[in-house]
Amino acid sequence: MDSKIKAYHDKQTESDKKICDLLYKEINKTLSEAENKMWHAHPVWFLDGNPIVGYSKLKDCIRLMFWSGVGFEEDRLKPGTGKFKDASIRYTDVDQINTKDLKRWLEKSRKIQWDYKNIVKRKGKLERLK
């Protein structure tokens, strides 16, 4: 585990650290080809430079976000503001994580992607990659 991601996990409460540790393990197992790093102060995974999935500490939970998650058509993933194609789920306990769902979402994240990598170059316009 990257030292910056480890430090991020270590500063969480015991309950939130368990959530982060399990998410990290499952994301790396399913998206083994993805690069992971701290990005905007949160752990994020990239495929070919495009952000795919990440998690962050919110006031009352850990939010798992998929940048192209709206296209997954999964009831448990809630769309973001509508400005982008993101969708997320919030966890307050590690027991809430259904690893079968998580694996399916991660596999979809490999196939369903919007080009966030070039969003600035395209002046905020998203294009579908896959």
N, C-alpha and C. Protein backbone atom coordinates (compact mmCIF):
# COMPACT_ATOMS: atom_id res chain seq x y z
N MET A 1 0.85 -1.18 0.00
CA MET A 1 0.00 0.00 0.00
C MET A 1 0.90 1.24 0.00
N ASP A 2 0.57 2.19 -0.85
CA ASP A 2 1.27 3.46 -0.92
C ASP A 2 1.26 4.12 0.46
N SER A 3 2.36 4.75 0.84
CA SER A 3 2.46 5.34 2.19
C SER A 3 1.43 6.45 2.43
N LYS A 4 1.08 7.19 1.39
CA LYS A 4 0.09 8.26 1.55
C LYS A 4 -1.31 7.68 1.76
N ILE A 5 -1.62 6.58 1.07
CA ILE A 5 -2.91 5.92 1.28
C ILE A 5 -2.94 5.29 2.67
N LYS A 6 -1.84 4.68 3.07
CA LYS A 6 -1.77 4.09 4.41
C LYS A 6 -2.00 5.17 5.47
N ALA A 7 -1.38 6.32 5.30
CA ALA A 7 -1.56 7.42 6.25
C ALA A 7 -3.02 7.88 6.28
N TYR A 8 -3.67 7.89 5.11
CA TYR A 8 -5.09 8.26 5.03
C TYR A 8 -5.92 7.27 5.84
N HIS A 9 -5.68 5.98 5.66
CA HIS A 9 -6.39 4.95 6.41
C HIS A 9 -6.13 5.09 7.91
N ASP A 10 -4.88 5.30 8.27
CA ASP A 10 -4.50 5.34 9.68
C ASP A 10 -5.12 6.51 10.43
N LYS A 11 -5.50 7.58 9.73
CA LYS A 11 -6.10 8.72 10.44
C LYS A 11 -7.62 8.58 10.61
N GLN A 12 -8.20 7.50 10.09
CA GLN A 12 -9.64 7.26 10.23
C GLN A 12 -9.94 6.63 11.59
N THR A 13 -11.21 6.70 11.99
CA THR A 13 -11.63 5.98 13.19
C THR A 13 -11.47 4.49 12.93
N GLU A 14 -11.51 3.69 13.96
CA GLU A 14 -11.34 2.24 13.79
C GLU A 14 -12.38 1.67 12.82
N SER A 15 -13.63 2.09 12.96
CA SER A 15 -14.71 1.60 12.09
C SER A 15 -14.49 2.03 10.64
N ASP A 16 -14.15 3.29 10.43
CA ASP A 16 -13.92 3.78 9.07
C ASP A 16 -12.67 3.17 8.46
N LYS A 17 -11.66 2.90 9.26
CA LYS A 17 -10.43 2.27 8.76
C LYS A 17 -10.74 0.87 8.23
N LYS A 18 -11.61 0.14 8.92
CA LYS A 18 -11.99 -1.20 8.44
C LYS A 18 -12.67 -1.10 7.08
N ILE A 19 -13.52 -0.11 6.91
CA ILE A 19 -14.20 0.11 5.62
C ILE A 19 -13.15 0.41 4.55
N CYS A 20 -12.27 1.35 4.83
CA CYS A 20 -11.24 1.73 3.86
C CYS A 20 -10.33 0.55 3.51
N ASP A 21 -9.92 -0.21 4.52
CA ASP A 21 -9.05 -1.36 4.28
C ASP A 21 -9.72 -2.40 3.38
N LEU A 22 -10.99 -2.68 3.62
CA LEU A 22 -11.69 -3.66 2.79
C LEU A 22 -11.89 -3.13 1.37
N LEU A 23 -12.27 -1.88 1.23
CA LEU A 23 -12.43 -1.30 -0.11
C LEU A 23 -11.11 -1.34 -0.87
N TYR A 24 -10.04 -0.97 -0.22
CA TYR A 24 -8.72 -0.99 -0.85
C TYR A 24 -8.38 -2.40 -1.35
N LYS A 25 -8.57 -3.38 -0.49
CA LYS A 25 -8.25 -4.77 -0.84
C LYS A 25 -9.07 -5.24 -2.04
N GLU A 26 -10.37 -5.00 -2.00
CA GLU A 26 -11.26 -5.49 -3.07
C GLU A 26 -11.03 -4.74 -4.38
N ILE A 27 -10.80 -3.44 -4.30
CA ILE A 27 -10.54 -2.67 -5.54
C ILE A 27 -9.25 -3.17 -6.19
N ASN A 28 -8.20 -3.34 -5.41
CA ASN A 28 -6.92 -3.82 -5.96
C ASN A 28 -7.02 -5.22 -6.52
N LYS A 29 -7.83 -6.05 -5.88
CA LYS A 29 -7.97 -7.43 -6.35
C LYS A 29 -8.68 -7.46 -7.71
N THR A 30 -9.72 -6.68 -7.87
CA THR A 30 -10.51 -6.70 -9.10
C THR A 30 -9.88 -5.84 -10.20
N LEU A 31 -9.35 -4.69 -9.84
CA LEU A 31 -8.73 -3.79 -10.82
C LEU A 31 -7.21 -3.80 -10.65
N SER A 32 -6.64 -4.99 -10.74
CA SER A 32 -5.20 -5.14 -10.48
C SER A 32 -4.34 -4.33 -11.45
N GLU A 33 -4.86 -4.03 -12.63
CA GLU A 33 -4.10 -3.27 -13.62
C GLU A 33 -4.18 -1.75 -13.39
N ALA A 34 -5.03 -1.33 -12.49
CA ALA A 34 -5.23 0.11 -12.25
C ALA A 34 -4.11 0.70 -11.40
N GLU A 35 -3.81 1.95 -11.68
CA GLU A 35 -2.88 2.73 -10.86
C GLU A 35 -3.69 3.34 -9.71
N ASN A 36 -3.16 3.29 -8.49
CA ASN A 36 -3.85 3.96 -7.39
C ASN A 36 -2.92 4.97 -6.75
N LYS A 37 -3.51 6.08 -6.32
CA LYS A 37 -2.73 7.14 -5.68
C LYS A 37 -3.69 8.07 -4.95
N MET A 38 -3.11 8.93 -4.13
CA MET A 38 -3.90 9.98 -3.49
C MET A 38 -4.13 11.06 -4.54
N TRP A 39 -5.38 11.45 -4.69
CA TRP A 39 -5.75 12.46 -5.68
C TRP A 39 -6.81 13.34 -5.05
N HIS A 40 -6.58 14.61 -4.98
CA HIS A 40 -7.47 15.54 -4.28
C HIS A 40 -7.72 15.05 -2.85
N ALA A 41 -6.66 14.55 -2.22
CA ALA A 41 -6.65 14.13 -0.81
C ALA A 41 -7.41 12.83 -0.51
N HIS A 42 -7.72 12.04 -1.56
CA HIS A 42 -8.44 10.77 -1.37
C HIS A 42 -7.82 9.67 -2.23
N PRO A 43 -7.92 8.41 -1.80
CA PRO A 43 -7.45 7.30 -2.63
C PRO A 43 -8.32 7.14 -3.88
N VAL A 44 -7.67 7.11 -5.05
CA VAL A 44 -8.38 7.00 -6.33
C VAL A 44 -7.61 6.04 -7.23
N TRP A 45 -8.36 5.26 -8.03
CA TRP A 45 -7.79 4.31 -8.98
C TRP A 45 -8.05 4.83 -10.39
N PHE A 46 -7.04 4.64 -11.25
CA PHE A 46 -7.08 5.13 -12.63
C PHE A 46 -6.79 4.01 -13.60
N LEU A 47 -7.49 4.02 -14.74
CA LEU A 47 -7.17 3.16 -15.87
C LEU A 47 -6.77 4.07 -17.02
N ASP A 48 -5.55 3.89 -17.51
CA ASP A 48 -5.02 4.74 -18.59
C ASP A 48 -5.17 6.22 -18.27
N GLY A 49 -4.92 6.59 -17.04
CA GLY A 49 -4.98 7.99 -16.63
C GLY A 49 -6.37 8.53 -16.35
N ASN A 50 -7.39 7.72 -16.51
CA ASN A 50 -8.77 8.14 -16.31
C ASN A 50 -9.24 7.69 -14.92
N PRO A 51 -9.74 8.61 -14.08
CA PRO A 51 -10.21 8.19 -12.75
C PRO A 51 -11.42 7.28 -12.86
N ILE A 52 -11.39 6.19 -12.10
CA ILE A 52 -12.43 5.16 -12.18
C ILE A 52 -13.23 5.06 -10.88
N VAL A 53 -12.51 4.89 -9.78
CA VAL A 53 -13.16 4.68 -8.48
C VAL A 53 -12.29 5.26 -7.37
N GLY A 54 -12.94 5.71 -6.33
CA GLY A 54 -12.21 6.21 -5.17
C GLY A 54 -13.13 6.26 -3.97
N TYR A 55 -12.56 6.47 -2.82
CA TYR A 55 -13.38 6.63 -1.62
C TYR A 55 -12.88 7.81 -0.81
N SER A 56 -13.79 8.35 -0.02
CA SER A 56 -13.45 9.53 0.77
C SER A 56 -14.25 9.55 2.06
N LYS A 57 -13.67 10.19 3.05
CA LYS A 57 -14.33 10.35 4.34
C LYS A 57 -15.24 11.56 4.27
N LEU A 58 -16.52 11.36 4.51
CA LEU A 58 -17.46 12.45 4.66
C LEU A 58 -17.74 12.58 6.15
N LYS A 59 -18.56 13.52 6.53
CA LYS A 59 -18.83 13.78 7.95
C LYS A 59 -19.27 12.53 8.71
N ASP A 60 -20.19 11.76 8.10
CA ASP A 60 -20.79 10.64 8.83
C ASP A 60 -20.60 9.28 8.16
N CYS A 61 -19.69 9.19 7.17
CA CYS A 61 -19.56 7.91 6.45
C CYS A 61 -18.29 7.91 5.59
N ILE A 62 -18.07 6.76 4.96
CA ILE A 62 -17.08 6.64 3.88
C ILE A 62 -17.89 6.50 2.60
N ARG A 63 -17.61 7.38 1.65
CA ARG A 63 -18.32 7.34 0.36
C ARG A 63 -17.43 6.68 -0.68
N LEU A 64 -17.95 5.64 -1.32
CA LEU A 64 -17.30 4.99 -2.45
C LEU A 64 -17.92 5.57 -3.71
N MET A 65 -17.08 6.16 -4.58
CA MET A 65 -17.61 6.82 -5.77
C MET A 65 -16.99 6.24 -7.04
N PHE A 66 -17.87 6.02 -8.00
CA PHE A 66 -17.46 5.59 -9.33
C PHE A 66 -17.68 6.77 -10.27
N TRP A 67 -16.63 7.22 -10.96
CA TRP A 67 -16.73 8.39 -11.82
C TRP A 67 -17.76 8.20 -12.94
N SER A 68 -17.94 6.98 -13.42
CA SER A 68 -18.89 6.72 -14.50
C SER A 68 -20.05 5.85 -14.03
N GLY A 69 -20.32 5.87 -12.73
CA GLY A 69 -21.28 4.97 -12.09
C GLY A 69 -22.72 5.08 -12.52
N VAL A 70 -23.15 6.24 -13.04
CA VAL A 70 -24.55 6.38 -13.49
C VAL A 70 -24.84 5.34 -14.58
N GLY A 71 -23.87 5.08 -15.43
CA GLY A 71 -24.05 4.13 -16.52
C GLY A 71 -24.11 2.68 -16.09
N PHE A 72 -23.83 2.40 -14.83
CA PHE A 72 -23.86 1.01 -14.36
C PHE A 72 -25.29 0.52 -14.18
N GLU A 73 -26.22 1.47 -14.03
CA GLU A 73 -27.63 1.15 -13.80
C GLU A 73 -27.81 0.20 -12.61
N GLU A 74 -27.26 0.61 -11.49
CA GLU A 74 -27.31 -0.16 -10.24
C GLU A 74 -28.11 0.65 -9.21
N ASP A 75 -29.16 0.05 -8.68
CA ASP A 75 -30.05 0.74 -7.74
C ASP A 75 -29.33 1.23 -6.48
N ARG A 76 -28.35 0.49 -6.01
CA ARG A 76 -27.68 0.86 -4.75
C ARG A 76 -26.71 2.03 -4.93
N LEU A 77 -26.31 2.31 -6.17
CA LEU A 77 -25.43 3.45 -6.43
C LEU A 77 -26.27 4.67 -6.74
N LYS A 78 -26.08 5.71 -5.97
CA LYS A 78 -26.87 6.94 -6.11
C LYS A 78 -26.14 7.96 -6.97
N PRO A 79 -26.83 8.50 -7.99
CA PRO A 79 -26.20 9.50 -8.87
C PRO A 79 -25.77 10.73 -8.09
N GLY A 80 -24.75 11.41 -8.62
CA GLY A 80 -24.27 12.65 -8.01
C GLY A 80 -25.20 13.80 -8.35
N THR A 81 -24.63 14.95 -8.58
CA THR A 81 -25.41 16.18 -8.80
C THR A 81 -26.08 16.22 -10.17
N GLY A 82 -25.65 15.37 -11.09
CA GLY A 82 -26.19 15.41 -12.44
C GLY A 82 -25.27 16.13 -13.41
N LYS A 83 -24.31 16.87 -12.88
CA LYS A 83 -23.36 17.59 -13.73
C LYS A 83 -22.41 16.61 -14.41
N PHE A 84 -22.07 15.53 -13.73
CA PHE A 84 -21.16 14.53 -14.26
C PHE A 84 -21.88 13.18 -14.29
N LYS A 85 -21.15 12.10 -14.51
CA LYS A 85 -21.73 10.76 -14.64
C LYS A 85 -21.42 9.88 -13.42
N ASP A 86 -21.11 10.51 -12.29
CA ASP A 86 -20.72 9.77 -11.10
C ASP A 86 -21.92 9.21 -10.33
N ALA A 87 -21.63 8.17 -9.59
CA ALA A 87 -22.62 7.58 -8.67
C ALA A 87 -21.84 6.99 -7.50
N SER A 88 -22.49 6.96 -6.34
CA SER A 88 -21.77 6.52 -5.15
C SER A 88 -22.67 5.78 -4.18
N ILE A 89 -22.02 5.19 -3.20
CA ILE A 89 -22.69 4.52 -2.10
C ILE A 89 -21.95 4.92 -0.83
N ARG A 90 -22.68 5.00 0.27
CA ARG A 90 -22.09 5.42 1.54
C ARG A 90 -22.13 4.27 2.54
N TYR A 91 -21.04 4.15 3.28
CA TYR A 91 -20.92 3.09 4.28
C TYR A 91 -20.61 3.69 5.65
N THR A 92 -21.29 3.16 6.66
CA THR A 92 -20.99 3.53 8.04
C THR A 92 -20.45 2.36 8.85
N ASP A 93 -20.47 1.16 8.24
CA ASP A 93 -19.96 -0.05 8.91
C ASP A 93 -19.44 -1.00 7.83
N VAL A 94 -18.37 -1.68 8.12
CA VAL A 94 -17.76 -2.59 7.15
C VAL A 94 -18.73 -3.70 6.74
N ASP A 95 -19.64 -4.09 7.64
CA ASP A 95 -20.61 -5.15 7.33
C ASP A 95 -21.62 -4.75 6.25
N GLN A 96 -21.70 -3.47 5.93
CA GLN A 96 -22.62 -3.01 4.88
C GLN A 96 -22.06 -3.27 3.48
N ILE A 97 -20.78 -3.57 3.38
CA ILE A 97 -20.15 -3.77 2.07
C ILE A 97 -20.48 -5.17 1.57
N ASN A 98 -21.20 -5.22 0.46
CA ASN A 98 -21.49 -6.48 -0.21
C ASN A 98 -20.40 -6.67 -1.27
N THR A 99 -19.47 -7.57 -1.01
CA THR A 99 -18.32 -7.71 -1.91
C THR A 99 -18.71 -8.23 -3.29
N LYS A 100 -19.81 -8.96 -3.40
CA LYS A 100 -20.27 -9.40 -4.73
C LYS A 100 -20.74 -8.20 -5.55
N ASP A 101 -21.50 -7.32 -4.91
CA ASP A 101 -21.92 -6.09 -5.60
C ASP A 101 -20.70 -5.26 -5.98
N LEU A 102 -19.80 -5.10 -5.03
CA LEU A 102 -18.61 -4.29 -5.27
C LEU A 102 -17.81 -4.84 -6.46
N LYS A 103 -17.63 -6.13 -6.52
CA LYS A 103 -16.88 -6.73 -7.63
C LYS A 103 -17.59 -6.47 -8.96
N ARG A 104 -18.90 -6.59 -8.98
CA ARG A 104 -19.68 -6.34 -10.21
C ARG A 104 -19.52 -4.88 -10.64
N TRP A 105 -19.60 -3.97 -9.69
CA TRP A 105 -19.45 -2.54 -10.01
C TRP A 105 -18.05 -2.25 -10.54
N LEU A 106 -17.05 -2.86 -9.93
CA LEU A 106 -15.67 -2.65 -10.37
C LEU A 106 -15.46 -3.19 -11.79
N GLU A 107 -16.07 -4.34 -12.08
CA GLU A 107 -15.97 -4.88 -13.44
C GLU A 107 -16.68 -3.97 -14.44
N LYS A 108 -17.80 -3.40 -14.04
CA LYS A 108 -18.49 -2.45 -14.91
C LYS A 108 -17.66 -1.19 -15.11
N SER A 109 -16.91 -0.79 -14.08
CA SER A 109 -16.11 0.44 -14.18
C SER A 109 -15.01 0.30 -15.23
N ARG A 110 -14.60 -0.90 -15.50
CA ARG A 110 -13.60 -1.17 -16.53
C ARG A 110 -14.21 -1.01 -17.92
N LYS A 111 -15.49 -1.36 -18.06
CA LYS A 111 -16.17 -1.36 -19.37
C LYS A 111 -16.91 -0.06 -19.68
N ILE A 112 -17.41 0.60 -18.65
CA ILE A 112 -18.22 1.81 -18.84
C ILE A 112 -17.42 2.99 -18.31
N GLN A 113 -16.89 3.79 -19.24
CA GLN A 113 -16.06 4.91 -18.82
C GLN A 113 -16.38 6.16 -19.62
N TRP A 114 -16.40 7.27 -18.92
CA TRP A 114 -16.47 8.60 -19.52
C TRP A 114 -15.08 9.21 -19.37
N ASP A 115 -14.69 10.03 -20.31
CA ASP A 115 -13.33 10.57 -20.38
C ASP A 115 -13.15 11.78 -19.47
N TYR A 116 -12.90 11.50 -18.19
CA TYR A 116 -12.62 12.58 -17.23
C TYR A 116 -11.20 13.10 -17.39
N LYS A 117 -10.31 12.27 -17.91
CA LYS A 117 -8.91 12.65 -18.08
C LYS A 117 -8.78 13.91 -18.94
N ASN A 118 -9.64 14.05 -19.96
CA ASN A 118 -9.56 15.18 -20.89
C ASN A 118 -10.69 16.19 -20.73
N ILE A 119 -11.34 16.19 -19.58
CA ILE A 119 -12.50 17.08 -19.38
C ILE A 119 -12.11 18.56 -19.45
N VAL A 120 -10.94 18.91 -18.96
CA VAL A 120 -10.51 20.31 -19.01
C VAL A 120 -10.23 20.72 -20.45
N LYS A 121 -9.53 19.84 -21.17
CA LYS A 121 -9.22 20.11 -22.57
C LYS A 121 -10.49 20.29 -23.41
N ARG A 122 -11.54 19.56 -23.04
CA ARG A 122 -12.82 19.65 -23.77
C ARG A 122 -13.77 20.66 -23.15
N LYS A 123 -13.25 21.51 -22.28
CA LYS A 123 -14.01 22.58 -21.65
C LYS A 123 -15.26 22.08 -20.92
N GLY A 124 -15.10 21.00 -20.16
CA GLY A 124 -16.18 20.47 -19.34
C GLY A 124 -17.08 19.47 -20.02
N LYS A 125 -16.85 19.19 -21.29
CA LYS A 125 -17.71 18.25 -22.02
C LYS A 125 -17.15 16.83 -21.83
N LEU A 126 -18.02 15.93 -21.43
CA LEU A 126 -17.63 14.52 -21.26
C LEU A 126 -17.96 13.74 -22.51
N GLU A 127 -17.05 12.82 -22.87
CA GLU A 127 -17.29 11.90 -23.98
C GLU A 127 -17.13 10.48 -23.47
N ARG A 128 -17.96 9.60 -23.99
CA ARG A 128 -17.91 8.18 -23.60
C ARG A 128 -16.68 7.53 -24.21
N LEU A 129 -15.94 6.78 -23.40
CA LEU A 129 -14.77 6.05 -23.88
C LEU A 129 -15.11 4.63 -24.29
N LYS A 130 -15.79 3.95 -23.43
CA LYS A 130 -16.05 2.52 -23.68
C LYS A 130 -17.53 2.25 -23.57
